[in-house]
Amino acid sequence: MSFDNKLLEIIACPVCKGKLEYDREGDRLICKADRLVYPITEGIPVLLEDRAEPLRDEA
């Protein structure tokens, strides 16, 4: 699924208010500053701190 780049420019991490990056392979949003991953459910980003998962190092 493709994510709207214009939306990506205006949304921010709910924890630090920093930029989010779209992970096309995992269809998720990543905050590298907080090392959190936010899911995208049915094309809608779920930007809730309690739904975020820790970013795991992927080798």
Protein backbone atom coordinates (compact mmCIF):
# COMPACT_ATOMS: atom_id res chain seq x y z
CA MET A 1 0.00 0.00 0.00
CA SER A 2 1.22 3.50 -0.79
CA PHE A 3 1.23 6.21 1.83
CA ASP A 4 0.36 9.81 0.97
CA ASN A 5 3.57 11.86 1.09
CA LYS A 6 1.64 15.08 1.71
CA LEU A 7 0.15 13.55 4.85
CA LEU A 8 3.62 12.43 5.93
CA GLU A 9 4.79 16.06 5.75
CA ILE A 10 2.17 17.27 8.24
CA ILE A 11 1.89 14.46 10.79
CA ALA A 12 4.35 14.08 13.65
CA CYS A 13 5.29 11.66 16.37
CA PRO A 14 2.83 12.12 19.25
CA VAL A 15 5.64 11.64 21.79
CA CYS A 16 8.39 14.00 20.59
CA LYS A 17 6.57 15.88 17.79
CA GLY A 18 9.40 14.87 15.46
CA LYS A 19 9.32 13.68 11.86
CA LEU A 20 8.05 10.23 11.00
CA GLU A 21 9.43 8.03 8.24
CA TYR A 22 7.31 5.68 6.18
CA ASP A 23 8.53 2.08 6.04
CA ARG A 24 7.07 0.81 2.77
CA GLU A 25 8.11 -2.80 3.39
CA GLY A 26 6.44 -2.98 6.80
CA ASP A 27 3.66 -0.48 6.00
CA ARG A 28 4.31 1.43 9.22
CA LEU A 29 5.58 4.78 10.45
CA ILE A 30 8.86 5.06 12.33
CA CYS A 31 10.11 7.71 14.74
CA LYS A 32 13.87 7.27 14.84
CA ALA A 33 14.30 9.80 17.66
CA ASP A 34 12.13 7.80 20.07
CA ARG A 35 12.78 4.45 18.35
CA LEU A 36 9.04 3.79 18.08
CA VAL A 37 6.99 2.15 15.34
CA TYR A 38 3.39 3.18 14.69
CA PRO A 39 1.08 0.82 12.79
CA ILE A 40 -1.00 1.75 9.77
CA THR A 41 -4.41 0.05 9.92
CA GLU A 42 -6.55 0.00 6.78
CA GLY A 43 -4.55 2.92 5.39
CA ILE A 44 -4.94 5.03 8.55
CA PRO A 45 -1.90 5.78 10.73
CA VAL A 46 -2.53 4.89 14.37
CA LEU A 47 -0.57 7.61 16.18
CA LEU A 48 -1.29 6.56 19.74
CA GLU A 49 1.61 6.16 22.14
CA ASP A 50 0.09 3.06 23.72
CA ARG A 51 -0.19 1.36 20.30
CA ALA A 52 3.44 2.06 19.36
CA GLU A 53 6.01 -0.71 19.49
CA PRO A 54 9.74 -0.35 20.12
CA LEU A 55 11.89 -0.20 17.01
CA ARG A 56 13.97 -3.34 16.81
CA ASP A 57 17.34 -3.43 15.14
CA GLU A 58 16.94 -5.39 11.96
CA ALA A 59 20.15 -6.94 10.74
